[in-house]
């Protein structure tokens, strides 16, 4: 696990680690606000996707003070080597406190140091302004590409 970023000392000390036998139930219990349900699936769906999808998604739990507060998953696209992030969610009880940004930052550092990833990509519904602002703040830039009906943003 990696601690918070040195770039923002005020960010919550969110860490990430692979979802394990000890944390999967806490991940499955995460929930988002009602207005986000149109953009985010249930965490159990993402956990199943990580187990059964041919893409090879790897699940990561976001933790704060040892408590699971969020989730995301990653997979490498063999066509361009980009590490995609997906299923990003922060529990409704922890939103609005910088946890999502700190968790994504921790995931980027973890994937960079553990797996050597330097090129990241993600996609989101263009109507999800909250996600768009967060990802732009973290250095993701929309590319004009789409993934289904979602907008693609990349960070190098």
N, C-alpha and C. Protein backbone atom coordinates (compact mmCIF):
# COMPACT_ATOMS: atom_id res chain seq x y z
N UNK A 1 0.84 -1.18 0.00
CA UNK A 1 0.00 0.00 0.00
C UNK A 1 0.88 1.23 0.00
N UNK A 2 0.38 2.28 -0.62
CA UNK A 2 1.10 3.54 -0.67
C UNK A 2 0.32 4.62 0.06
N UNK A 3 1.01 5.51 0.78
CA UNK A 3 0.32 6.59 1.47
C UNK A 3 -0.09 7.69 0.52
N UNK A 4 -0.64 8.77 1.07
CA UNK A 4 -1.10 9.90 0.27
C UNK A 4 0.03 10.52 -0.54
N UNK A 5 -0.34 11.28 -1.51
CA UNK A 5 0.60 11.94 -2.41
C UNK A 5 1.37 13.03 -1.69
N UNK A 6 2.65 13.18 -2.05
CA UNK A 6 3.45 14.28 -1.54
C UNK A 6 3.05 15.60 -2.18
N UNK A 7 2.31 15.55 -3.29
CA UNK A 7 1.92 16.76 -4.00
C UNK A 7 0.86 17.54 -3.26
N UNK A 8 0.01 16.90 -2.49
CA UNK A 8 -1.06 17.61 -1.79
C UNK A 8 -1.10 17.13 -0.34
N UNK A 9 -0.38 17.81 0.54
CA UNK A 9 -0.33 17.36 1.94
C UNK A 9 -1.67 17.45 2.66
N UNK A 10 -2.63 18.19 2.10
CA UNK A 10 -3.94 18.28 2.75
C UNK A 10 -4.88 17.15 2.32
N UNK A 11 -4.48 16.36 1.33
CA UNK A 11 -5.32 15.26 0.85
C UNK A 11 -5.44 14.18 1.93
N UNK A 12 -6.58 13.53 1.99
CA UNK A 12 -6.72 12.42 2.95
C UNK A 12 -5.68 11.34 2.66
N UNK A 13 -5.27 10.63 3.69
CA UNK A 13 -4.25 9.59 3.55
C UNK A 13 -4.88 8.30 3.03
N UNK A 14 -5.33 8.34 1.79
CA UNK A 14 -5.96 7.18 1.17
C UNK A 14 -4.87 6.28 0.60
N UNK A 15 -5.01 4.99 0.81
CA UNK A 15 -4.10 4.00 0.25
C UNK A 15 -4.90 3.05 -0.62
N UNK A 16 -4.22 2.33 -1.48
CA UNK A 16 -4.88 1.30 -2.28
C UNK A 16 -4.13 -0.01 -2.11
N UNK A 17 -4.87 -1.08 -2.24
CA UNK A 17 -4.30 -2.43 -2.17
C UNK A 17 -5.23 -3.36 -2.92
N UNK A 18 -4.69 -4.44 -3.47
CA UNK A 18 -5.57 -5.41 -4.14
C UNK A 18 -6.69 -5.87 -3.20
N UNK A 19 -7.88 -6.01 -3.76
CA UNK A 19 -8.99 -6.55 -2.98
C UNK A 19 -8.60 -7.97 -2.58
N UNK A 20 -8.88 -8.31 -1.34
CA UNK A 20 -8.46 -9.61 -0.80
C UNK A 20 -9.63 -10.34 -0.15
N UNK A 21 -9.34 -11.52 0.36
CA UNK A 21 -10.35 -12.28 1.09
C UNK A 21 -10.81 -11.51 2.32
N UNK A 22 -9.96 -10.62 2.83
CA UNK A 22 -10.32 -9.83 4.00
C UNK A 22 -11.12 -8.57 3.67
N UNK A 23 -11.05 -8.10 2.41
CA UNK A 23 -11.68 -6.81 2.09
C UNK A 23 -12.83 -6.88 1.09
N UNK A 24 -13.04 -8.00 0.43
CA UNK A 24 -14.05 -8.02 -0.63
C UNK A 24 -15.46 -7.73 -0.11
N UNK A 25 -15.77 -8.17 1.09
CA UNK A 25 -17.11 -7.91 1.63
C UNK A 25 -17.31 -6.41 1.89
N UNK A 26 -16.26 -5.75 2.36
CA UNK A 26 -16.35 -4.31 2.59
C UNK A 26 -16.50 -3.57 1.26
N UNK A 27 -15.82 -4.04 0.23
CA UNK A 27 -15.99 -3.44 -1.10
C UNK A 27 -17.42 -3.65 -1.58
N UNK A 28 -17.94 -4.86 -1.43
CA UNK A 28 -19.30 -5.17 -1.89
C UNK A 28 -20.34 -4.34 -1.15
N UNK A 29 -20.04 -3.88 0.04
CA UNK A 29 -20.99 -3.10 0.83
C UNK A 29 -20.97 -1.61 0.49
N UNK A 30 -20.04 -1.16 -0.36
CA UNK A 30 -19.98 0.26 -0.73
C UNK A 30 -21.25 0.67 -1.47
N UNK A 31 -21.63 1.92 -1.31
CA UNK A 31 -22.76 2.44 -2.07
C UNK A 31 -22.47 3.89 -2.45
N UNK A 32 -23.10 4.32 -3.52
CA UNK A 32 -22.93 5.71 -3.98
C UNK A 32 -24.24 6.46 -3.74
N UNK A 33 -24.20 7.76 -3.97
CA UNK A 33 -25.41 8.57 -3.79
C UNK A 33 -26.43 8.22 -4.88
N UNK A 34 -27.70 8.44 -4.62
CA UNK A 34 -28.73 8.10 -5.61
C UNK A 34 -28.49 8.74 -6.99
N UNK A 35 -28.01 9.97 -7.03
CA UNK A 35 -27.80 10.62 -8.33
C UNK A 35 -26.63 10.02 -9.10
N UNK A 36 -25.77 9.25 -8.45
CA UNK A 36 -24.64 8.62 -9.14
C UNK A 36 -24.97 7.23 -9.66
N UNK A 37 -26.07 6.67 -9.27
CA UNK A 37 -26.42 5.30 -9.67
C UNK A 37 -26.58 5.16 -11.18
N UNK A 38 -26.87 6.25 -11.86
CA UNK A 38 -26.98 6.20 -13.33
C UNK A 38 -25.60 6.04 -13.98
N UNK A 39 -24.53 6.35 -13.23
CA UNK A 39 -23.18 6.34 -13.79
C UNK A 39 -22.31 5.22 -13.25
N UNK A 40 -22.67 4.63 -12.13
CA UNK A 40 -21.82 3.65 -11.45
C UNK A 40 -22.63 2.40 -11.16
N UNK A 41 -22.06 1.24 -11.49
CA UNK A 41 -22.73 -0.03 -11.19
C UNK A 41 -22.52 -0.39 -9.72
N UNK A 42 -23.22 -1.41 -9.29
CA UNK A 42 -23.02 -1.92 -7.93
C UNK A 42 -21.62 -2.52 -7.83
N UNK A 43 -20.97 -2.42 -6.67
CA UNK A 43 -19.62 -2.96 -6.54
C UNK A 43 -19.55 -4.47 -6.77
N UNK A 44 -20.60 -5.19 -6.45
CA UNK A 44 -20.58 -6.64 -6.70
C UNK A 44 -20.47 -6.94 -8.19
N UNK A 45 -21.05 -6.07 -9.04
CA UNK A 45 -20.91 -6.23 -10.48
C UNK A 45 -19.45 -6.08 -10.88
N UNK A 46 -18.79 -5.05 -10.36
CA UNK A 46 -17.38 -4.84 -10.70
C UNK A 46 -16.50 -5.99 -10.19
N UNK A 47 -16.79 -6.50 -9.01
CA UNK A 47 -16.02 -7.63 -8.49
C UNK A 47 -16.20 -8.86 -9.38
N UNK A 48 -17.42 -9.10 -9.84
CA UNK A 48 -17.67 -10.23 -10.75
C UNK A 48 -16.95 -9.99 -12.08
N UNK A 49 -16.96 -8.78 -12.57
CA UNK A 49 -16.26 -8.44 -13.80
C UNK A 49 -14.77 -8.76 -13.67
N UNK A 50 -14.21 -8.44 -12.52
CA UNK A 50 -12.79 -8.72 -12.28
C UNK A 50 -12.50 -10.23 -12.30
N UNK A 51 -13.46 -11.02 -11.86
CA UNK A 51 -13.27 -12.47 -11.82
C UNK A 51 -13.51 -13.15 -13.17
N UNK A 52 -14.47 -12.63 -13.93
CA UNK A 52 -14.93 -13.37 -15.10
C UNK A 52 -14.74 -12.70 -16.45
N UNK A 53 -14.37 -11.45 -16.48
CA UNK A 53 -14.18 -10.76 -17.75
C UNK A 53 -12.88 -11.19 -18.40
N UNK A 54 -12.88 -11.27 -19.70
CA UNK A 54 -11.66 -11.62 -20.43
C UNK A 54 -10.67 -10.47 -20.50
N UNK A 55 -11.10 -9.29 -20.10
CA UNK A 55 -10.25 -8.11 -20.15
C UNK A 55 -9.11 -8.21 -19.15
N UNK A 56 -9.32 -8.86 -18.03
CA UNK A 56 -8.28 -8.99 -17.02
C UNK A 56 -8.27 -7.86 -16.01
N UNK A 57 -9.44 -7.36 -15.65
CA UNK A 57 -9.53 -6.31 -14.64
C UNK A 57 -8.99 -6.80 -13.30
N UNK A 58 -8.23 -5.94 -12.62
CA UNK A 58 -7.71 -6.25 -11.29
C UNK A 58 -8.35 -5.28 -10.29
N UNK A 59 -8.97 -5.79 -9.22
CA UNK A 59 -9.68 -4.92 -8.28
C UNK A 59 -8.76 -4.33 -7.22
N UNK A 60 -8.97 -3.05 -6.92
CA UNK A 60 -8.22 -2.37 -5.86
C UNK A 60 -9.20 -1.73 -4.88
N UNK A 61 -8.93 -1.91 -3.61
CA UNK A 61 -9.71 -1.26 -2.56
C UNK A 61 -9.01 0.02 -2.15
N UNK A 62 -9.79 1.10 -1.99
CA UNK A 62 -9.27 2.35 -1.42
C UNK A 62 -9.54 2.27 0.07
N UNK A 63 -8.51 2.56 0.88
CA UNK A 63 -8.69 2.52 2.32
C UNK A 63 -8.26 3.85 2.95
N UNK A 64 -8.90 4.18 4.05
CA UNK A 64 -8.57 5.36 4.83
C UNK A 64 -8.57 4.92 6.28
N UNK A 65 -7.44 5.06 6.93
CA UNK A 65 -7.30 4.61 8.32
C UNK A 65 -7.73 3.15 8.49
N UNK A 66 -7.38 2.32 7.51
CA UNK A 66 -7.67 0.89 7.56
C UNK A 66 -9.07 0.50 7.17
N UNK A 67 -9.94 1.45 6.88
CA UNK A 67 -11.32 1.18 6.50
C UNK A 67 -11.48 1.30 4.99
N UNK A 68 -12.17 0.35 4.37
CA UNK A 68 -12.44 0.42 2.94
C UNK A 68 -13.44 1.53 2.70
N UNK A 69 -13.04 2.50 1.86
CA UNK A 69 -13.89 3.66 1.58
C UNK A 69 -14.19 3.81 0.08
N UNK A 70 -13.56 2.99 -0.74
CA UNK A 70 -13.77 3.11 -2.18
C UNK A 70 -13.20 1.93 -2.93
N UNK A 71 -13.36 2.00 -4.24
CA UNK A 71 -12.97 0.90 -5.12
C UNK A 71 -12.62 1.45 -6.49
N UNK A 72 -11.75 0.75 -7.16
CA UNK A 72 -11.52 0.92 -8.59
C UNK A 72 -10.86 -0.33 -9.11
N UNK A 73 -10.83 -0.46 -10.42
CA UNK A 73 -10.19 -1.62 -11.02
C UNK A 73 -9.31 -1.13 -12.17
N UNK A 74 -8.33 -1.95 -12.54
CA UNK A 74 -7.41 -1.57 -13.61
C UNK A 74 -7.17 -2.76 -14.53
N UNK A 75 -6.85 -2.43 -15.77
CA UNK A 75 -6.50 -3.44 -16.77
C UNK A 75 -5.64 -2.77 -17.82
N UNK A 76 -4.72 -3.51 -18.39
CA UNK A 76 -3.85 -2.96 -19.43
C UNK A 76 -4.40 -3.34 -20.80
N UNK A 77 -4.50 -2.33 -21.67
CA UNK A 77 -4.93 -2.54 -23.05
C UNK A 77 -3.71 -2.97 -23.85
N UNK A 78 -3.69 -4.21 -24.35
CA UNK A 78 -2.51 -4.68 -25.07
C UNK A 78 -2.25 -3.92 -26.37
N UNK A 79 -3.25 -3.25 -26.92
CA UNK A 79 -3.05 -2.56 -28.19
C UNK A 79 -2.17 -1.33 -28.06
N UNK A 80 -2.23 -0.64 -26.91
CA UNK A 80 -1.38 0.55 -26.76
C UNK A 80 -0.65 0.61 -25.42
N UNK A 81 -0.82 -0.39 -24.58
CA UNK A 81 -0.12 -0.43 -23.30
C UNK A 81 -0.70 0.47 -22.23
N UNK A 82 -1.80 1.15 -22.51
CA UNK A 82 -2.41 2.04 -21.52
C UNK A 82 -3.05 1.22 -20.40
N UNK A 83 -2.89 1.69 -19.19
CA UNK A 83 -3.54 1.09 -18.04
C UNK A 83 -4.87 1.82 -17.84
N UNK A 84 -5.96 1.09 -18.03
CA UNK A 84 -7.30 1.67 -17.89
C UNK A 84 -7.77 1.54 -16.46
N UNK A 85 -8.44 2.58 -15.98
CA UNK A 85 -9.10 2.55 -14.68
C UNK A 85 -10.59 2.46 -14.93
N UNK A 86 -11.28 1.72 -14.11
CA UNK A 86 -12.72 1.58 -14.27
C UNK A 86 -13.38 1.34 -12.93
N UNK A 87 -14.70 1.47 -12.92
CA UNK A 87 -15.47 1.17 -11.72
C UNK A 87 -15.12 2.04 -10.53
N UNK A 88 -14.63 3.25 -10.77
CA UNK A 88 -14.19 4.13 -9.68
C UNK A 88 -15.40 4.55 -8.85
N UNK A 89 -15.31 4.29 -7.55
CA UNK A 89 -16.40 4.68 -6.66
C UNK A 89 -15.87 4.96 -5.26
N UNK A 90 -16.50 5.92 -4.61
CA UNK A 90 -16.23 6.24 -3.21
C UNK A 90 -17.56 6.12 -2.48
N UNK A 91 -17.54 5.50 -1.33
CA UNK A 91 -18.76 5.32 -0.57
C UNK A 91 -19.43 6.67 -0.31
N UNK A 92 -20.75 6.69 -0.39
CA UNK A 92 -21.52 7.92 -0.22
C UNK A 92 -21.17 8.63 1.09
N UNK A 93 -20.87 7.88 2.13
CA UNK A 93 -20.56 8.49 3.44
C UNK A 93 -19.23 9.21 3.46
N UNK A 94 -18.39 9.00 2.45
CA UNK A 94 -17.05 9.60 2.42
C UNK A 94 -16.88 10.62 1.29
N UNK A 95 -17.92 10.87 0.54
CA UNK A 95 -17.79 11.78 -0.60
C UNK A 95 -17.72 13.23 -0.16
N UNK A 96 -17.11 14.04 -1.03
CA UNK A 96 -16.99 15.46 -0.76
C UNK A 96 -15.86 15.83 0.17
N UNK A 97 -14.95 14.89 0.41
CA UNK A 97 -13.84 15.12 1.35
C UNK A 97 -12.48 14.91 0.71
N UNK A 98 -12.44 14.76 -0.63
CA UNK A 98 -11.17 14.55 -1.30
C UNK A 98 -10.72 13.10 -1.39
N UNK A 99 -11.55 12.18 -0.94
CA UNK A 99 -11.19 10.76 -0.93
C UNK A 99 -11.02 10.22 -2.35
N UNK A 100 -11.92 10.59 -3.26
CA UNK A 100 -11.83 10.06 -4.63
C UNK A 100 -10.55 10.47 -5.32
N UNK A 101 -10.22 11.76 -5.27
CA UNK A 101 -8.99 12.23 -5.89
C UNK A 101 -7.76 11.62 -5.26
N UNK A 102 -7.75 11.55 -3.93
CA UNK A 102 -6.61 10.95 -3.23
C UNK A 102 -6.49 9.46 -3.56
N UNK A 103 -7.63 8.78 -3.68
CA UNK A 103 -7.61 7.35 -4.01
C UNK A 103 -7.11 7.09 -5.42
N UNK A 104 -7.55 7.91 -6.37
CA UNK A 104 -7.08 7.75 -7.75
C UNK A 104 -5.59 8.06 -7.82
N UNK A 105 -5.17 9.11 -7.13
CA UNK A 105 -3.75 9.46 -7.09
C UNK A 105 -2.93 8.30 -6.51
N UNK A 106 -3.42 7.72 -5.42
CA UNK A 106 -2.73 6.58 -4.81
C UNK A 106 -2.69 5.39 -5.77
N UNK A 107 -3.77 5.18 -6.51
CA UNK A 107 -3.81 4.07 -7.47
C UNK A 107 -2.80 4.30 -8.60
N UNK A 108 -2.71 5.52 -9.10
CA UNK A 108 -1.75 5.81 -10.17
C UNK A 108 -0.32 5.57 -9.70
N UNK A 109 -0.02 6.00 -8.48
CA UNK A 109 1.32 5.78 -7.94
C UNK A 109 1.58 4.28 -7.71
N UNK A 110 0.58 3.58 -7.18
CA UNK A 110 0.70 2.14 -6.95
C UNK A 110 0.94 1.41 -8.28
N UNK A 111 0.12 1.69 -9.27
CA UNK A 111 0.26 1.02 -10.57
C UNK A 111 1.56 1.40 -11.26
N UNK A 112 2.01 2.62 -11.04
CA UNK A 112 3.29 3.05 -11.60
C UNK A 112 4.47 2.36 -10.94
N UNK A 113 4.46 2.30 -9.62
CA UNK A 113 5.61 1.72 -8.92
C UNK A 113 5.59 0.19 -8.92
N UNK A 114 4.41 -0.40 -8.86
CA UNK A 114 4.31 -1.86 -8.80
C UNK A 114 4.34 -2.51 -10.17
N UNK A 115 3.73 -1.86 -11.15
CA UNK A 115 3.60 -2.47 -12.48
C UNK A 115 4.27 -1.65 -13.59
N UNK A 116 4.87 -0.53 -13.23
CA UNK A 116 5.58 0.27 -14.22
C UNK A 116 4.68 1.05 -15.16
N UNK A 117 3.43 1.21 -14.82
CA UNK A 117 2.50 1.92 -15.70
C UNK A 117 2.76 3.42 -15.69
N UNK A 118 2.73 4.03 -16.87
CA UNK A 118 2.93 5.47 -17.00
C UNK A 118 1.86 6.14 -17.86
N UNK A 119 1.09 5.36 -18.58
CA UNK A 119 0.04 5.88 -19.47
C UNK A 119 -1.28 5.32 -18.96
N UNK A 120 -2.17 6.22 -18.55
CA UNK A 120 -3.44 5.81 -17.97
C UNK A 120 -4.60 6.33 -18.81
N UNK A 121 -5.70 5.59 -18.78
CA UNK A 121 -6.90 5.98 -19.52
C UNK A 121 -8.12 5.59 -18.69
N UNK A 122 -9.20 6.27 -18.94
CA UNK A 122 -10.48 5.94 -18.33
C UNK A 122 -11.58 6.51 -19.20
N UNK A 123 -12.80 6.11 -18.93
CA UNK A 123 -13.92 6.65 -19.68
C UNK A 123 -15.06 6.92 -18.71
N UNK A 124 -15.94 7.85 -19.13
CA UNK A 124 -17.07 8.19 -18.29
C UNK A 124 -18.18 8.76 -19.15
N UNK A 125 -19.38 8.70 -18.60
CA UNK A 125 -20.55 9.24 -19.26
C UNK A 125 -20.37 10.76 -19.38
N UNK A 126 -20.55 11.33 -20.57
CA UNK A 126 -20.36 12.77 -20.72
C UNK A 126 -21.30 13.61 -19.85
N UNK A 127 -22.40 13.03 -19.39
CA UNK A 127 -23.31 13.76 -18.51
C UNK A 127 -22.82 13.78 -17.06
N UNK A 128 -21.79 13.02 -16.75
CA UNK A 128 -21.27 12.94 -15.38
C UNK A 128 -20.25 14.06 -15.15
N UNK A 129 -20.77 15.26 -14.93
CA UNK A 129 -19.91 16.44 -14.75
C UNK A 129 -19.00 16.32 -13.55
N UNK A 130 -19.46 15.66 -12.51
CA UNK A 130 -18.63 15.48 -11.31
C UNK A 130 -17.37 14.69 -11.64
N UNK A 131 -17.53 13.60 -12.40
CA UNK A 131 -16.37 12.79 -12.81
C UNK A 131 -15.47 13.60 -13.75
N UNK A 132 -16.06 14.28 -14.69
CA UNK A 132 -15.29 15.06 -15.66
C UNK A 132 -14.38 16.06 -14.93
N UNK A 133 -14.93 16.79 -13.96
CA UNK A 133 -14.13 17.78 -13.22
C UNK A 133 -13.02 17.11 -12.41
N UNK A 134 -13.35 16.01 -11.74
CA UNK A 134 -12.36 15.30 -10.94
C UNK A 134 -11.21 14.80 -11.80
N UNK A 135 -11.53 14.13 -12.88
CA UNK A 135 -10.48 13.56 -13.73
C UNK A 135 -9.63 14.66 -14.39
N UNK A 136 -10.24 15.76 -14.78
CA UNK A 136 -9.48 16.88 -15.35
C UNK A 136 -8.52 17.44 -14.30
N UNK A 137 -8.99 17.57 -13.08
CA UNK A 137 -8.14 18.07 -11.99
C UNK A 137 -6.95 17.14 -11.74
N UNK A 138 -7.14 15.85 -12.01
CA UNK A 138 -6.06 14.87 -11.80
C UNK A 138 -5.16 14.71 -13.03
N UNK A 139 -5.38 15.53 -14.05
CA UNK A 139 -4.50 15.52 -15.22
C UNK A 139 -4.97 14.68 -16.38
N UNK A 140 -6.18 14.13 -16.32
CA UNK A 140 -6.72 13.38 -17.44
C UNK A 140 -7.29 14.35 -18.46
N UNK A 141 -6.98 14.14 -19.72
CA UNK A 141 -7.46 15.01 -20.79
C UNK A 141 -8.30 14.21 -21.77
N UNK A 142 -9.47 14.75 -22.10
CA UNK A 142 -10.33 14.10 -23.09
C UNK A 142 -9.62 14.09 -24.43
N UNK A 143 -9.74 12.97 -25.15
CA UNK A 143 -8.98 12.77 -26.38
C UNK A 143 -9.82 12.84 -27.65
N UNK A 144 -11.13 12.87 -27.52
CA UNK A 144 -11.99 12.79 -28.69
C UNK A 144 -12.39 11.34 -28.98
N UNK A 145 -11.74 10.39 -28.34
CA UNK A 145 -12.10 8.98 -28.48
C UNK A 145 -13.36 8.71 -27.66
N UNK A 146 -14.03 7.64 -28.00
CA UNK A 146 -15.15 7.17 -27.20
C UNK A 146 -14.99 5.68 -26.94
N UNK A 147 -15.59 5.25 -25.87
CA UNK A 147 -15.65 3.84 -25.51
C UNK A 147 -17.13 3.56 -25.31
N UNK A 148 -17.77 2.98 -26.33
CA UNK A 148 -19.22 2.86 -26.30
C UNK A 148 -19.81 4.25 -26.34
N UNK A 149 -20.62 4.58 -25.35
CA UNK A 149 -21.21 5.92 -25.30
C UNK A 149 -20.50 6.82 -24.29
N UNK A 150 -19.31 6.43 -23.89
CA UNK A 150 -18.55 7.21 -22.91
C UNK A 150 -17.39 7.97 -23.56
N UNK A 151 -16.98 9.05 -22.91
CA UNK A 151 -15.86 9.87 -23.32
C UNK A 151 -14.58 9.27 -22.75
N UNK A 152 -13.52 9.24 -23.55
CA UNK A 152 -12.22 8.72 -23.08
C UNK A 152 -11.32 9.89 -22.70
N UNK A 153 -10.63 9.74 -21.58
CA UNK A 153 -9.63 10.71 -21.14
C UNK A 153 -8.36 9.95 -20.80
N UNK A 154 -7.22 10.56 -21.12
CA UNK A 154 -5.94 9.90 -20.88
C UNK A 154 -4.99 10.81 -20.10
N UNK A 155 -4.08 10.16 -19.41
CA UNK A 155 -3.01 10.86 -18.67
C UNK A 155 -1.72 10.11 -18.86
N UNK A 156 -0.67 10.86 -19.20
CA UNK A 156 0.67 10.25 -19.36
C UNK A 156 1.57 10.72 -18.25
